[in-house]
Amino acid sequence: MKALKAIVAGTIYTPTETIQNGVILIDGARIAKVGPKDEIKIPPGTKVVDNSDRIVVPGFIDMHIHGAAGHDLMEGTMEAVNAVGTYLARHGTTGYLATTVTASLDRTLHAGKTLGEIIRASQTSSGATDKIAGAQPLGIHYEGPFLNVKKRGAHPASQIQKPSTETLTKMLDAAGGAARVFTLAPEVEGALAVLELARSRGLKIGIGHSNATFEEAERAIAAGATQAVHVYNAMRPFQHRDSGIIGAVLIDDRISAELICDGVHVEASAIRLLVKAKGVERLILVSDSLSGAGMPDGNYRLGNFTVHVAGGVCRTVEGNLAGSTITLDAALRNLSNFTGLTYQQCLPCATLNPARLLGMDKQKGVIAVGADADLAILDREYHVTQTYVRGRPVL
């Protein structure tokens, strides 16, 4: 048995249950016991951390993030991963998918290869996790290059490609098993064949940067698409005689919805509509943050091009929105404020829901016996005061 640690908490959100005056007993990287204080025996010699005036929740999981703290994850370096991980941990995020942006095939393959090497080392080598600061990269999210030019958003038109199973195979092989999510526009010729190949390789499929009609979106969902990427943004607009991809997202329970909840990408009324239609159990908060997150206003890199950040809003030189600078702790507070739901009701959107979609909900996104000790400690206003990644305090 490794050194034991007991976190005493005023409130624990697991997130599906509430435990008042609780204890989380951590054995190394995992949770050994959790429950009310009067039911958990703390062994002699255990290090006790008193958070009796705080709230403890599962660490947040960001499925869609391009960078932060001045670094773009397509750099594919340990320096970039550590900078992003350190920044995210300050805001309670303990795991994330390193997300690419459409670029040349060579650049994409290089990013997939180097990120894959870092991710595999962190997950399989003894002690290698300790070499990564803060939040851990759980996999790669390939956003593109098989997108619709008409809804490209910040993705460069010159690098968007026709869907190709050959190209996808090269991308997945480069990642060496680290790819977890692939986003594409399902209406583009050849996209459904790519979708099927990605599914057969174990990936979850996001549909986005898409001009799909309702019928085209439904075909993709029937073929196995699992989530819609940053809903409302970079997709066919909703109209009462042409509901498009948004209509499919609102009424089809087979698909989850990513949401950038910064109040810039989507206004509060549209967020309330989405929550009313999907329910919080099918909503996944994402940051879609860029290298400018956590940095002063200025110019920052996204893949091979420059994005300008002003007042925390990211735009391309053409003026298109280009990701965000929000963090998931702020997104959760916003979701509660915008919808009137309690913080606890919103909490699964950044913890259990992404973990469940990724098939990791026995290990991540929950406070349960046997799960990784990925935890965020919050004050009573739901601001992060400490984060644990696999049992290690990182702040």
Protein backbone atom coordinates (compact mmCIF):
# COMPACT_ATOMS: atom_id res chain seq x y z
CA MET A 1 0.00 0.00 0.00
CA LYS A 2 1.28 3.44 -0.95
CA ALA A 3 1.15 6.47 1.31
CA LEU A 4 -2.46 7.16 2.21
CA LYS A 5 -4.07 10.56 2.05
CA ALA A 6 -7.48 11.53 3.43
CA ILE A 7 -9.29 14.60 2.14
CA VAL A 8 -11.90 15.79 4.60
CA ALA A 9 -14.57 17.82 2.79
CA GLY A 10 -17.52 19.91 3.85
CA THR A 11 -19.39 18.70 0.76
CA ILE A 12 -18.59 16.11 -1.89
CA TYR A 13 -20.39 16.02 -5.23
CA THR A 14 -19.60 12.66 -6.78
CA PRO A 15 -21.24 14.20 -9.07
CA THR A 16 -24.47 12.18 -8.95
CA GLU A 17 -24.63 12.11 -5.14
CA THR A 18 -24.04 14.63 -2.39
CA ILE A 19 -22.04 13.66 0.69
CA GLN A 20 -21.98 16.15 3.54
CA ASN A 21 -19.02 16.10 5.94
CA GLY A 22 -17.33 13.49 3.81
CA VAL A 23 -13.95 11.84 3.46
CA ILE A 24 -12.09 10.69 0.36
CA LEU A 25 -9.35 8.19 1.18
CA ILE A 26 -6.66 8.12 -1.52
CA ASP A 27 -4.22 5.25 -1.94
CA GLY A 28 -1.55 6.39 -4.36
CA ALA A 29 -3.27 7.46 -7.58
CA ARG A 30 -6.70 6.02 -6.86
CA ILE A 31 -9.65 6.48 -4.55
CA ALA A 32 -9.78 3.73 -1.93
CA LYS A 33 -12.86 4.87 0.00
CA VAL A 34 -15.41 7.67 -0.08
CA GLY A 35 -18.29 8.38 2.23
CA PRO A 36 -19.52 10.31 5.28
CA LYS A 37 -16.83 11.07 7.84
CA ASP A 38 -18.46 8.96 10.54
CA GLU A 39 -18.42 5.91 8.22
CA ILE A 40 -14.82 6.10 6.96
CA LYS A 41 -12.07 4.87 9.26
CA ILE A 42 -8.85 6.78 8.60
CA PRO A 43 -5.87 4.46 9.19
CA PRO A 44 -3.06 5.62 11.49
CA GLY A 45 -0.29 7.47 9.65
CA THR A 46 -2.61 8.79 6.95
CA LYS A 47 -1.95 12.36 5.85
CA VAL A 48 -5.17 14.28 6.52
CA VAL A 49 -5.97 17.33 4.39
CA ASP A 50 -8.67 19.48 5.95
CA ASN A 51 -11.09 20.96 3.42
CA SER A 52 -14.05 20.93 5.77
CA ASP A 53 -15.03 24.41 4.58
CA ARG A 54 -14.78 23.44 0.88
CA ILE A 55 -16.54 21.49 -1.85
CA VAL A 56 -14.80 18.57 -3.56
CA VAL A 57 -15.84 17.55 -7.08
CA PRO A 58 -14.35 15.31 -9.79
CA GLY A 59 -11.68 16.96 -11.89
CA PHE A 60 -13.03 18.44 -15.11
CA ILE A 61 -12.47 16.86 -18.53
CA ASP A 62 -12.08 19.08 -21.60
CA MET A 63 -12.74 17.16 -24.83
CA HIS A 64 -11.99 20.08 -27.13
CA ILE A 65 -9.00 22.32 -26.44
CA HIS A 66 -6.33 23.59 -28.84
CA GLY A 67 -4.01 25.29 -26.39
CA ALA A 68 -3.51 27.77 -23.55
CA ALA A 69 -0.83 29.74 -21.72
CA GLY A 70 0.82 30.86 -24.95
CA HIS A 71 1.20 27.33 -26.38
CA ASP A 72 -0.60 25.57 -29.20
CA LEU A 73 -0.93 21.81 -28.69
CA MET A 74 -0.03 21.16 -32.32
CA GLU A 75 3.51 22.09 -31.29
CA GLY A 76 3.54 18.52 -30.05
CA THR A 77 6.20 19.15 -27.42
CA MET A 78 6.46 18.33 -23.73
CA GLU A 79 6.91 22.05 -23.12
CA ALA A 80 3.53 22.80 -24.70
CA VAL A 81 1.80 19.92 -22.92
CA ASN A 82 3.21 20.99 -19.55
CA ALA A 83 2.29 24.65 -20.07
CA VAL A 84 -1.28 23.79 -21.04
CA GLY A 85 -1.61 21.18 -18.28
CA THR A 86 -0.37 23.55 -15.59
CA TYR A 87 -2.79 26.25 -16.68
CA LEU A 88 -5.76 23.89 -16.85
CA ALA A 89 -5.05 22.43 -13.42
CA ARG A 90 -5.30 25.90 -11.89
CA HIS A 91 -8.90 25.85 -13.09
CA GLY A 92 -9.81 22.33 -11.97
CA THR A 93 -9.33 20.49 -15.26
CA THR A 94 -7.47 17.22 -14.73
CA GLY A 95 -7.78 15.59 -18.17
CA TYR A 96 -8.22 16.77 -21.74
CA LEU A 97 -8.09 15.80 -25.40
CA ALA A 98 -5.33 17.61 -27.29
CA THR A 99 -7.19 19.01 -30.27
CA THR A 100 -5.75 19.71 -33.69
CA VAL A 101 -6.78 22.33 -36.23
CA THR A 102 -6.85 21.82 -39.98
CA ALA A 103 -3.32 22.10 -41.37
CA SER A 104 -1.14 20.48 -44.01
CA LEU A 105 -1.09 16.70 -43.84
CA ASP A 106 2.58 16.71 -42.88
CA ARG A 107 1.92 19.10 -39.99
CA THR A 108 -1.09 17.08 -38.85
CA LEU A 109 0.82 13.79 -38.97
CA HIS A 110 3.72 15.31 -37.05
CA ALA A 111 1.38 16.64 -34.34
CA GLY A 112 -0.40 13.29 -34.10
CA LYS A 113 2.88 11.40 -33.82
CA THR A 114 4.49 13.60 -31.18
CA LEU A 115 1.34 14.02 -29.12
CA GLY A 116 0.69 10.30 -29.35
CA GLU A 117 4.15 9.54 -28.02
CA ILE A 118 3.65 11.87 -25.05
CA ILE A 119 0.21 10.46 -24.29
CA ARG A 120 1.29 6.83 -24.48
CA ALA A 121 4.29 7.50 -22.25
CA SER A 122 2.10 9.17 -19.64
CA GLN A 123 -0.32 6.25 -19.60
CA THR A 124 1.96 3.24 -19.83
CA SER A 125 5.42 4.04 -18.45
CA SER A 126 6.03 3.65 -14.74
CA GLY A 127 6.19 7.08 -13.16
CA ALA A 128 5.89 8.90 -16.48
CA THR A 129 2.70 10.63 -15.36
CA ASP A 130 4.80 12.59 -12.87
CA LYS A 131 6.73 14.11 -15.77
CA ILE A 132 3.61 15.86 -17.08
CA ALA A 133 2.67 18.94 -15.11
CA GLY A 134 -0.96 19.38 -14.14
CA ALA A 135 -3.80 18.09 -16.29
CA GLN A 136 -3.10 14.93 -18.26
CA PRO A 137 -3.66 14.54 -22.01
CA LEU A 138 -6.07 11.63 -22.35
CA GLY A 139 -5.98 11.42 -26.13
CA ILE A 140 -6.13 13.34 -29.39
CA HIS A 141 -9.16 15.02 -30.92
CA TYR A 142 -8.64 15.44 -34.66
CA GLU A 143 -10.80 18.41 -35.69
CA GLY A 144 -10.61 18.24 -39.47
CA PRO A 145 -9.37 18.29 -42.17
CA PHE A 146 -12.60 16.83 -43.63
CA LEU A 147 -14.79 19.88 -43.04
CA ASN A 148 -17.17 21.97 -45.14
CA VAL A 149 -15.42 25.08 -46.47
CA LYS A 150 -18.69 27.03 -46.16
CA LYS A 151 -18.66 26.47 -42.38
CA ARG A 152 -14.93 26.37 -41.81
CA GLY A 153 -14.86 29.00 -39.06
CA ALA A 154 -11.19 29.56 -38.22
CA HIS A 155 -9.95 26.52 -40.17
CA PRO A 156 -7.93 27.58 -43.23
CA ALA A 157 -9.80 26.89 -46.48
CA SER A 158 -6.60 26.00 -48.31
CA GLN A 159 -5.96 23.01 -46.02
CA ILE A 160 -9.47 21.52 -45.93
CA GLN A 161 -9.49 18.21 -47.79
CA LYS A 162 -11.97 15.86 -49.42
CA PRO A 163 -12.70 12.98 -47.03
CA SER A 164 -10.31 10.10 -47.62
CA THR A 165 -10.03 6.81 -45.77
CA GLU A 166 -6.39 6.64 -46.87
CA THR A 167 -5.61 9.99 -45.26
CA LEU A 168 -7.52 9.07 -42.12
CA THR A 169 -5.56 5.83 -41.84
CA LYS A 170 -2.31 7.79 -41.98
CA MET A 171 -3.56 10.13 -39.25
CA LEU A 172 -4.66 7.33 -36.95
CA ASP A 173 -1.47 5.36 -37.52
CA ALA A 174 0.59 8.46 -36.71
CA ALA A 175 -1.23 8.83 -33.39
CA GLY A 176 -0.41 5.23 -32.51
CA GLY A 177 -3.70 4.50 -30.77
CA ALA A 178 -3.92 7.85 -28.96
CA ALA A 179 -6.71 9.30 -31.14
CA ARG A 180 -10.08 9.28 -29.40
CA VAL A 181 -12.32 11.73 -31.31
CA PHE A 182 -12.59 12.65 -34.98
CA THR A 183 -14.67 15.59 -36.20
CA LEU A 184 -15.94 15.91 -39.77
CA ALA A 185 -18.72 17.43 -41.88
CA PRO A 186 -20.98 14.44 -42.65
CA GLU A 187 -22.57 15.87 -45.79
CA VAL A 188 -19.32 16.11 -47.77
CA GLU A 189 -18.80 13.36 -50.34
CA GLY A 190 -16.92 10.43 -48.83
CA ALA A 191 -17.51 11.50 -45.21
CA LEU A 192 -19.64 8.52 -44.22
CA ALA A 193 -16.96 6.08 -45.34
CA VAL A 194 -14.46 7.99 -43.19
CA LEU A 195 -16.94 7.96 -40.31
CA GLU A 196 -17.28 4.19 -40.54
CA LEU A 197 -13.51 3.68 -40.60
CA ALA A 198 -13.01 5.95 -37.60
CA ARG A 199 -15.69 4.08 -35.66
CA SER A 200 -14.08 0.75 -36.53
CA ARG A 201 -10.83 2.06 -35.06
CA GLY A 202 -12.58 2.91 -31.77
CA LEU A 203 -13.01 6.67 -32.17
CA LYS A 204 -15.98 8.78 -31.17
CA ILE A 205 -17.33 10.88 -34.04
CA GLY A 206 -18.08 14.57 -33.82
CA ILE A 207 -20.07 16.30 -36.53
CA GLY A 208 -19.27 19.95 -37.01
CA HIS A 209 -18.01 22.69 -39.28
CA SER A 210 -20.90 21.44 -41.33
CA ASN A 211 -23.65 22.67 -43.62
CA ALA A 212 -25.59 19.43 -43.20
CA THR A 213 -29.33 19.38 -43.62
CA PHE A 214 -31.49 17.69 -41.02
CA GLU A 215 -31.60 14.53 -43.15
CA GLU A 216 -27.82 14.50 -43.66
CA ALA A 217 -27.21 14.98 -39.95
CA GLU A 218 -29.62 12.16 -39.12
CA ARG A 219 -27.82 9.81 -41.52
CA ALA A 220 -24.56 10.56 -39.71
CA ILE A 221 -26.15 9.95 -36.33
CA ALA A 222 -27.61 6.66 -37.55
CA ALA A 223 -24.13 5.75 -38.80
CA GLY A 224 -22.70 6.29 -35.32
CA ALA A 225 -21.89 9.98 -34.79
CA THR A 226 -21.75 10.57 -31.06
CA GLN A 227 -21.58 14.34 -30.53
CA ALA A 228 -22.14 17.63 -32.31
CA VAL A 229 -19.15 19.96 -32.07
CA HIS A 230 -19.59 23.41 -30.46
CA VAL A 231 -23.33 23.44 -31.16
CA TYR A 232 -24.77 26.49 -32.95
CA ASN A 233 -21.30 27.53 -34.14
CA ALA A 234 -19.90 26.69 -37.60
CA MET A 235 -23.03 24.81 -38.64
CA ARG A 236 -26.12 25.34 -40.79
CA PRO A 237 -28.42 27.80 -38.98
CA PHE A 238 -31.79 26.66 -37.67
CA GLN A 239 -34.83 27.77 -39.65
CA HIS A 240 -38.41 26.65 -39.24
CA ARG A 241 -38.49 25.07 -42.72
CA ASP A 242 -34.85 24.01 -42.70
CA SER A 243 -33.86 22.93 -39.21
CA GLY A 244 -30.51 21.52 -40.32
CA ILE A 245 -27.97 19.95 -38.03
CA ILE A 246 -29.21 22.00 -35.07
CA GLY A 247 -32.69 20.53 -35.44
CA ALA A 248 -31.25 17.03 -35.36
CA VAL A 249 -29.20 17.83 -32.28
CA LEU A 250 -32.19 19.28 -30.43
CA ILE A 251 -34.50 16.30 -30.94
CA ASP A 252 -32.26 13.23 -31.32
CA ASP A 253 -31.33 11.61 -28.02
CA ARG A 254 -28.61 9.52 -29.67
CA ILE A 255 -26.26 12.48 -29.95
CA SER A 256 -24.63 14.66 -27.30
CA ALA A 257 -23.95 18.36 -27.70
CA GLU A 258 -20.70 20.22 -27.10
CA LEU A 259 -21.21 23.75 -25.79
CA ILE A 260 -18.80 26.68 -25.45
CA CYS A 261 -20.50 28.42 -22.53
CA ASP A 262 -18.70 31.76 -22.56
CA GLY A 263 -21.67 33.99 -23.43
CA VAL A 264 -19.93 34.99 -26.67
CA HIS A 265 -20.31 31.90 -28.84
CA VAL A 266 -23.90 31.26 -27.72
CA GLU A 267 -26.31 33.62 -25.99
CA ALA A 268 -28.09 32.62 -22.81
CA SER A 269 -31.52 32.03 -24.38
CA ALA A 270 -30.08 29.61 -26.93
CA ILE A 271 -28.24 27.82 -24.12
CA ARG A 272 -31.49 27.45 -22.19
CA LEU A 273 -33.15 26.02 -25.31
CA LEU A 274 -30.35 23.52 -25.76
CA VAL A 275 -30.53 22.40 -22.12
CA LYS A 276 -34.32 22.16 -22.27
CA ALA A 277 -34.12 19.96 -25.36
CA LYS A 278 -31.11 17.80 -24.50
CA GLY A 279 -31.14 17.73 -20.74
CA VAL A 280 -27.87 18.15 -18.86
CA GLU A 281 -27.10 14.43 -19.28
CA ARG A 282 -26.42 14.95 -23.00
CA LEU A 283 -24.56 18.24 -22.71
CA ILE A 284 -20.75 18.43 -22.71
CA LEU A 285 -19.02 21.66 -21.81
CA VAL A 286 -15.85 22.35 -23.77
CA SER A 287 -13.47 25.29 -23.78
CA ASP A 288 -12.26 25.17 -27.42
CA SER A 289 -9.56 27.40 -25.96
CA LEU A 290 -6.53 28.56 -27.90
CA SER A 291 -2.96 29.48 -27.03
CA GLY A 292 -4.20 32.94 -26.01
CA ALA A 293 -6.15 31.55 -23.04
CA GLY A 294 -4.70 32.91 -19.82
CA MET A 295 -2.64 35.48 -21.73
CA PRO A 296 -2.87 39.24 -22.31
CA ASP A 297 -4.61 40.57 -25.42
CA GLY A 298 -2.50 40.12 -28.53
CA ASN A 299 -1.70 37.78 -31.40
CA TYR A 300 -1.34 34.04 -30.85
CA ARG A 301 -0.84 30.89 -32.91
CA LEU A 302 -3.47 28.35 -33.89
CA GLY A 303 -1.83 25.70 -36.03
CA ASN A 304 -0.12 27.58 -38.86
CA PHE A 305 -1.95 30.88 -38.60
CA THR A 306 -2.41 33.83 -36.28
CA VAL A 307 -5.44 34.61 -34.13
CA HIS A 308 -6.02 37.95 -32.43
CA VAL A 309 -7.33 38.07 -28.86
CA ALA A 310 -9.05 41.22 -27.63
CA GLY A 311 -11.05 41.36 -24.42
CA GLY A 312 -10.73 37.60 -24.18
CA VAL A 313 -12.43 37.05 -27.56
CA CYS A 314 -10.46 35.24 -30.29
CA ARG A 315 -10.89 36.12 -33.96
CA THR A 316 -9.15 35.40 -37.25
CA VAL A 317 -7.91 38.19 -39.52
CA GLU A 318 -11.25 37.86 -41.39
CA GLY A 319 -13.11 38.50 -38.14
CA ASN A 320 -14.42 34.95 -37.60
CA LEU A 321 -14.64 33.65 -34.06
CA ALA A 322 -11.68 31.34 -33.46
CA GLY A 323 -12.11 29.29 -30.32
CA SER A 324 -12.21 30.87 -26.89
CA THR A 325 -10.23 31.73 -23.79
CA ILE A 326 -12.67 30.27 -21.26
CA THR A 327 -11.93 27.49 -18.77
CA LEU A 328 -14.36 24.80 -17.64
CA ASP A 329 -14.67 26.12 -14.09
CA ALA A 330 -15.96 29.41 -15.50
CA ALA A 331 -18.13 27.59 -18.06
CA LEU A 332 -19.84 25.67 -15.25
CA ARG A 333 -20.57 28.84 -13.30
CA ASN A 334 -21.93 30.42 -16.49
CA LEU A 335 -24.14 27.45 -17.28
CA SER A 336 -25.67 27.63 -13.81
CA ASN A 337 -26.19 31.39 -14.09
CA PHE A 338 -27.60 31.26 -17.63
CA THR A 339 -30.06 28.42 -16.96
CA GLY A 340 -31.00 28.75 -13.30
CA LEU A 341 -29.86 25.19 -12.65
CA THR A 342 -27.80 24.51 -9.56
CA TYR A 343 -24.05 24.07 -9.82
CA GLN A 344 -24.45 20.41 -8.88
CA GLN A 345 -26.99 19.87 -11.66
CA CYS A 346 -24.55 21.37 -14.16
CA LEU A 347 -21.48 19.55 -12.85
CA PRO A 348 -21.85 16.31 -14.93
CA CYS A 349 -21.50 18.41 -18.09
CA ALA A 350 -17.78 18.81 -17.36
CA THR A 351 -17.13 15.54 -15.52
CA LEU A 352 -19.30 12.44 -15.91
CA ASN A 353 -20.72 13.24 -19.35
CA PRO A 354 -17.41 13.55 -21.23
CA ALA A 355 -15.98 10.60 -19.31
CA ARG A 356 -18.99 8.46 -20.21
CA LEU A 357 -18.86 9.42 -23.90
CA LEU A 358 -15.16 8.48 -23.96
CA GLY A 359 -15.84 5.19 -22.16
CA MET A 360 -13.77 6.28 -19.16
CA ASP A 361 -16.48 6.79 -16.53
CA LYS A 362 -15.17 4.02 -14.26
CA GLN A 363 -11.83 5.84 -14.11
CA LYS A 364 -12.49 9.54 -14.71
CA GLY A 365 -15.19 12.13 -14.07
CA VAL A 366 -16.43 10.51 -10.85
CA ILE A 367 -15.53 10.25 -7.20
CA ALA A 368 -15.86 6.54 -6.60
CA VAL A 369 -13.87 3.63 -5.23
CA GLY A 370 -11.29 2.53 -7.79
CA ALA A 371 -11.47 5.71 -9.86
CA ASP A 372 -8.46 7.93 -10.39
CA ALA A 373 -8.06 10.53 -7.64
CA ASP A 374 -8.66 13.43 -10.02
CA LEU A 375 -10.27 16.10 -7.85
CA ALA A 376 -11.02 19.80 -7.80
CA ILE A 377 -11.38 21.62 -4.47
CA LEU A 378 -13.77 24.58 -4.63
CA ASP A 379 -14.69 27.43 -2.34
CA ARG A 380 -18.34 28.24 -1.69
CA GLU A 381 -18.47 30.45 -4.81
CA TYR A 382 -17.24 27.49 -6.91
CA HIS A 383 -13.77 28.85 -7.58
CA VAL A 384 -10.90 26.35 -7.62
CA THR A 385 -8.51 26.44 -4.67
CA GLN A 386 -6.65 23.15 -5.26
CA THR A 387 -6.53 20.35 -7.83
CA TYR A 388 -5.38 16.75 -7.51
CA VAL A 389 -4.30 14.76 -10.55
CA ARG A 390 -4.14 11.03 -9.82
CA GLY A 391 -3.68 11.80 -6.14
CA ARG A 392 -1.01 14.48 -6.54
CA PRO A 393 -1.71 18.09 -5.50
CA VAL A 394 -0.73 20.31 -8.39
CA LEU A 395 -1.29 23.85 -7.11
